[in-house]
Amino acid sequence: MESSEIYRRLTPIFQDILDDDDLVPSADLTAHDVPEWDSLRHIRLIVTVERELEVKFTTPEISALENVGQFVELIQSKLTRA
């Protein structure tokens, strides 16, 4: 799956969980950029993405992420292996 398709699929998830209909995830977006992005919503994001895209992440993989761009790369690598 192309990264543009992943961003397209992530957008409604981010908008719903972070309660911001105008939010459009970009490669450099971090939790520090979104006031509503707390630890609980972070977990909800991960779980929802796992369910919607049918992928699984390990705790070390999630802990290593610094921004949405790295998250998209991780998702892409998981989908490529599937």
N, C-alpha and C. Protein backbone atom coordinates (compact mmCIF):
# COMPACT_ATOMS: atom_id res chain seq x y z
N MET A 1 0.86 -1.18 0.00
CA MET A 1 0.00 0.00 0.00
C MET A 1 0.90 1.24 0.00
N GLU A 2 0.58 2.16 -0.86
CA GLU A 2 1.34 3.41 -0.96
C GLU A 2 1.13 4.26 0.28
N SER A 3 2.13 5.09 0.60
CA SER A 3 2.01 5.94 1.79
C SER A 3 0.84 6.91 1.68
N SER A 4 0.54 7.39 0.48
CA SER A 4 -0.59 8.32 0.32
C SER A 4 -1.91 7.64 0.69
N GLU A 5 -2.04 6.36 0.39
CA GLU A 5 -3.23 5.60 0.75
C GLU A 5 -3.29 5.41 2.27
N ILE A 6 -2.15 5.17 2.88
CA ILE A 6 -2.12 5.02 4.34
C ILE A 6 -2.54 6.32 5.00
N TYR A 7 -2.00 7.44 4.55
CA TYR A 7 -2.42 8.75 5.11
C TYR A 7 -3.92 8.96 4.92
N ARG A 8 -4.43 8.58 3.76
CA ARG A 8 -5.86 8.75 3.49
C ARG A 8 -6.69 7.93 4.48
N ARG A 9 -6.23 6.75 4.78
CA ARG A 9 -6.97 5.89 5.72
C ARG A 9 -6.77 6.32 7.17
N LEU A 10 -5.62 6.92 7.47
CA LEU A 10 -5.37 7.39 8.83
C LEU A 10 -6.14 8.66 9.18
N THR A 11 -6.41 9.50 8.19
CA THR A 11 -7.03 10.79 8.45
C THR A 11 -8.33 10.69 9.25
N PRO A 12 -9.31 9.88 8.84
CA PRO A 12 -10.54 9.83 9.64
C PRO A 12 -10.33 9.23 11.02
N ILE A 13 -9.35 8.34 11.16
CA ILE A 13 -9.05 7.76 12.47
C ILE A 13 -8.51 8.85 13.39
N PHE A 14 -7.54 9.61 12.92
CA PHE A 14 -6.97 10.69 13.71
C PHE A 14 -8.03 11.73 14.05
N GLN A 15 -8.84 12.09 13.06
CA GLN A 15 -9.89 13.09 13.30
C GLN A 15 -10.87 12.63 14.36
N ASP A 16 -11.26 11.37 14.31
CA ASP A 16 -12.22 10.84 15.27
C ASP A 16 -11.62 10.76 16.67
N ILE A 17 -10.48 10.14 16.81
CA ILE A 17 -9.90 9.91 18.13
C ILE A 17 -9.38 11.20 18.76
N LEU A 18 -8.84 12.10 17.95
CA LEU A 18 -8.32 13.35 18.49
C LEU A 18 -9.37 14.46 18.47
N ASP A 19 -10.57 14.12 18.05
CA ASP A 19 -11.72 15.03 18.09
C ASP A 19 -11.44 16.36 17.38
N ASP A 20 -10.92 16.24 16.15
CA ASP A 20 -10.59 17.44 15.37
C ASP A 20 -10.85 17.12 13.89
N ASP A 21 -11.99 17.59 13.39
CA ASP A 21 -12.38 17.30 12.01
C ASP A 21 -11.49 17.95 10.97
N ASP A 22 -10.66 18.91 11.39
CA ASP A 22 -9.77 19.59 10.45
C ASP A 22 -8.35 19.01 10.45
N LEU A 23 -8.09 18.09 11.35
CA LEU A 23 -6.75 17.51 11.47
C LEU A 23 -6.44 16.62 10.27
N VAL A 24 -5.30 16.89 9.65
CA VAL A 24 -4.82 16.06 8.55
C VAL A 24 -3.41 15.62 8.92
N PRO A 25 -3.23 14.33 9.20
CA PRO A 25 -1.91 13.86 9.61
C PRO A 25 -0.87 14.09 8.51
N SER A 26 0.29 14.54 8.93
CA SER A 26 1.41 14.75 8.01
C SER A 26 2.63 14.06 8.59
N ALA A 27 3.66 13.91 7.80
CA ALA A 27 4.84 13.16 8.20
C ALA A 27 5.50 13.72 9.45
N ASP A 28 5.51 15.03 9.61
CA ASP A 28 6.21 15.63 10.75
C ASP A 28 5.31 15.87 11.96
N LEU A 29 4.05 15.48 11.90
CA LEU A 29 3.13 15.67 13.03
C LEU A 29 3.53 14.78 14.20
N THR A 30 3.51 15.37 15.41
CA THR A 30 3.81 14.62 16.63
C THR A 30 2.70 14.87 17.65
N ALA A 31 2.71 14.09 18.70
CA ALA A 31 1.73 14.26 19.78
C ALA A 31 1.85 15.64 20.41
N HIS A 32 3.04 16.20 20.40
CA HIS A 32 3.26 17.54 20.98
C HIS A 32 2.55 18.63 20.19
N ASP A 33 2.21 18.34 18.95
CA ASP A 33 1.55 19.33 18.08
C ASP A 33 0.04 19.38 18.28
N VAL A 34 -0.52 18.38 18.94
CA VAL A 34 -1.97 18.27 19.09
C VAL A 34 -2.31 18.21 20.58
N PRO A 35 -2.89 19.28 21.13
CA PRO A 35 -3.16 19.31 22.57
C PRO A 35 -4.00 18.13 23.08
N GLU A 36 -4.89 17.63 22.27
CA GLU A 36 -5.77 16.54 22.68
C GLU A 36 -5.09 15.17 22.66
N TRP A 37 -3.89 15.09 22.10
CA TRP A 37 -3.19 13.82 21.92
C TRP A 37 -2.48 13.44 23.22
N ASP A 38 -3.20 12.80 24.11
CA ASP A 38 -2.63 12.35 25.38
C ASP A 38 -2.34 10.85 25.29
N SER A 39 -1.87 10.29 26.40
CA SER A 39 -1.46 8.88 26.37
C SER A 39 -2.63 7.93 26.10
N LEU A 40 -3.79 8.22 26.64
CA LEU A 40 -4.95 7.37 26.40
C LEU A 40 -5.37 7.40 24.92
N ARG A 41 -5.40 8.59 24.35
CA ARG A 41 -5.76 8.69 22.93
C ARG A 41 -4.69 8.06 22.05
N HIS A 42 -3.44 8.11 22.51
CA HIS A 42 -2.36 7.48 21.76
C HIS A 42 -2.62 5.97 21.66
N ILE A 43 -2.98 5.37 22.77
CA ILE A 43 -3.28 3.94 22.78
C ILE A 43 -4.49 3.65 21.89
N ARG A 44 -5.50 4.49 21.97
CA ARG A 44 -6.68 4.30 21.11
C ARG A 44 -6.30 4.40 19.63
N LEU A 45 -5.42 5.33 19.28
CA LEU A 45 -4.95 5.45 17.89
C LEU A 45 -4.30 4.15 17.43
N ILE A 46 -3.39 3.66 18.24
CA ILE A 46 -2.65 2.45 17.87
C ILE A 46 -3.61 1.27 17.69
N VAL A 47 -4.48 1.07 18.66
CA VAL A 47 -5.41 -0.06 18.62
C VAL A 47 -6.36 0.06 17.42
N THR A 48 -6.84 1.25 17.17
CA THR A 48 -7.75 1.45 16.04
C THR A 48 -7.05 1.21 14.71
N VAL A 49 -5.83 1.70 14.58
CA VAL A 49 -5.07 1.47 13.34
C VAL A 49 -4.80 -0.02 13.17
N GLU A 50 -4.44 -0.70 14.24
CA GLU A 50 -4.22 -2.15 14.14
C GLU A 50 -5.47 -2.85 13.63
N ARG A 51 -6.60 -2.49 14.18
CA ARG A 51 -7.86 -3.13 13.79
C ARG A 51 -8.25 -2.77 12.35
N GLU A 52 -8.19 -1.50 12.01
CA GLU A 52 -8.64 -1.05 10.69
C GLU A 52 -7.72 -1.52 9.55
N LEU A 53 -6.42 -1.56 9.81
CA LEU A 53 -5.48 -1.93 8.74
C LEU A 53 -4.99 -3.37 8.88
N GLU A 54 -5.50 -4.07 9.90
CA GLU A 54 -5.16 -5.48 10.11
C GLU A 54 -3.65 -5.70 10.22
N VAL A 55 -3.03 -4.91 11.11
CA VAL A 55 -1.61 -5.05 11.41
C VAL A 55 -1.47 -5.13 12.93
N LYS A 56 -0.31 -5.56 13.39
CA LYS A 56 -0.01 -5.61 14.82
C LYS A 56 1.35 -4.94 15.04
N PHE A 57 1.44 -4.17 16.13
CA PHE A 57 2.68 -3.49 16.48
C PHE A 57 3.19 -4.02 17.81
N THR A 58 4.50 -4.03 17.95
CA THR A 58 5.10 -4.40 19.23
C THR A 58 5.32 -3.13 20.05
N THR A 59 5.46 -3.29 21.34
CA THR A 59 5.71 -2.14 22.21
C THR A 59 7.00 -1.42 21.82
N PRO A 60 8.10 -2.13 21.55
CA PRO A 60 9.32 -1.42 21.13
C PRO A 60 9.13 -0.62 19.83
N GLU A 61 8.36 -1.17 18.89
CA GLU A 61 8.11 -0.44 17.64
C GLU A 61 7.39 0.87 17.92
N ILE A 62 6.35 0.81 18.75
CA ILE A 62 5.57 2.01 19.06
C ILE A 62 6.42 3.00 19.85
N SER A 63 7.20 2.51 20.80
CA SER A 63 8.02 3.39 21.63
C SER A 63 9.08 4.14 20.82
N ALA A 64 9.52 3.56 19.73
CA ALA A 64 10.57 4.16 18.91
C ALA A 64 10.05 5.26 17.98
N LEU A 65 8.74 5.35 17.79
CA LEU A 65 8.18 6.32 16.85
C LEU A 65 8.33 7.74 17.36
N GLU A 66 8.75 8.63 16.45
CA GLU A 66 8.90 10.04 16.80
C GLU A 66 7.88 10.94 16.12
N ASN A 67 7.25 10.45 15.05
CA ASN A 67 6.28 11.27 14.33
C ASN A 67 5.38 10.37 13.47
N VAL A 68 4.40 10.98 12.86
CA VAL A 68 3.44 10.22 12.05
C VAL A 68 4.13 9.62 10.82
N GLY A 69 5.11 10.31 10.27
CA GLY A 69 5.83 9.78 9.12
C GLY A 69 6.46 8.43 9.42
N GLN A 70 7.07 8.31 10.59
CA GLN A 70 7.65 7.02 10.98
C GLN A 70 6.57 5.97 11.21
N PHE A 71 5.42 6.40 11.72
CA PHE A 71 4.29 5.50 11.92
C PHE A 71 3.82 4.96 10.57
N VAL A 72 3.72 5.83 9.58
CA VAL A 72 3.30 5.41 8.25
C VAL A 72 4.32 4.44 7.65
N GLU A 73 5.60 4.71 7.84
CA GLU A 73 6.63 3.80 7.34
C GLU A 73 6.52 2.44 8.01
N LEU A 74 6.25 2.42 9.32
CA LEU A 74 6.08 1.16 10.04
C LEU A 74 4.86 0.40 9.50
N ILE A 75 3.77 1.11 9.32
CA ILE A 75 2.56 0.48 8.77
C ILE A 75 2.86 -0.10 7.39
N GLN A 76 3.53 0.68 6.57
CA GLN A 76 3.85 0.23 5.22
C GLN A 76 4.72 -1.03 5.26
N SER A 77 5.68 -1.06 6.17
CA SER A 77 6.54 -2.24 6.26
C SER A 77 5.75 -3.47 6.71
N LYS A 78 4.78 -3.27 7.61
CA LYS A 78 3.96 -4.38 8.07
C LYS A 78 3.07 -4.90 6.93
N LEU A 79 2.50 -4.00 6.16
CA LEU A 79 1.63 -4.40 5.07
C LEU A 79 2.42 -5.07 3.93
N THR A 80 3.64 -4.67 3.75
CA THR A 80 4.48 -5.26 2.71
C THR A 80 4.83 -6.70 3.05
N ARG A 81 5.03 -6.96 4.35
CA ARG A 81 5.37 -8.31 4.80
C ARG A 81 4.17 -9.26 4.78
N ALA A 82 2.99 -8.69 4.85
CA ALA A 82 1.78 -9.53 4.95
C ALA A 82 1.49 -10.29 3.68
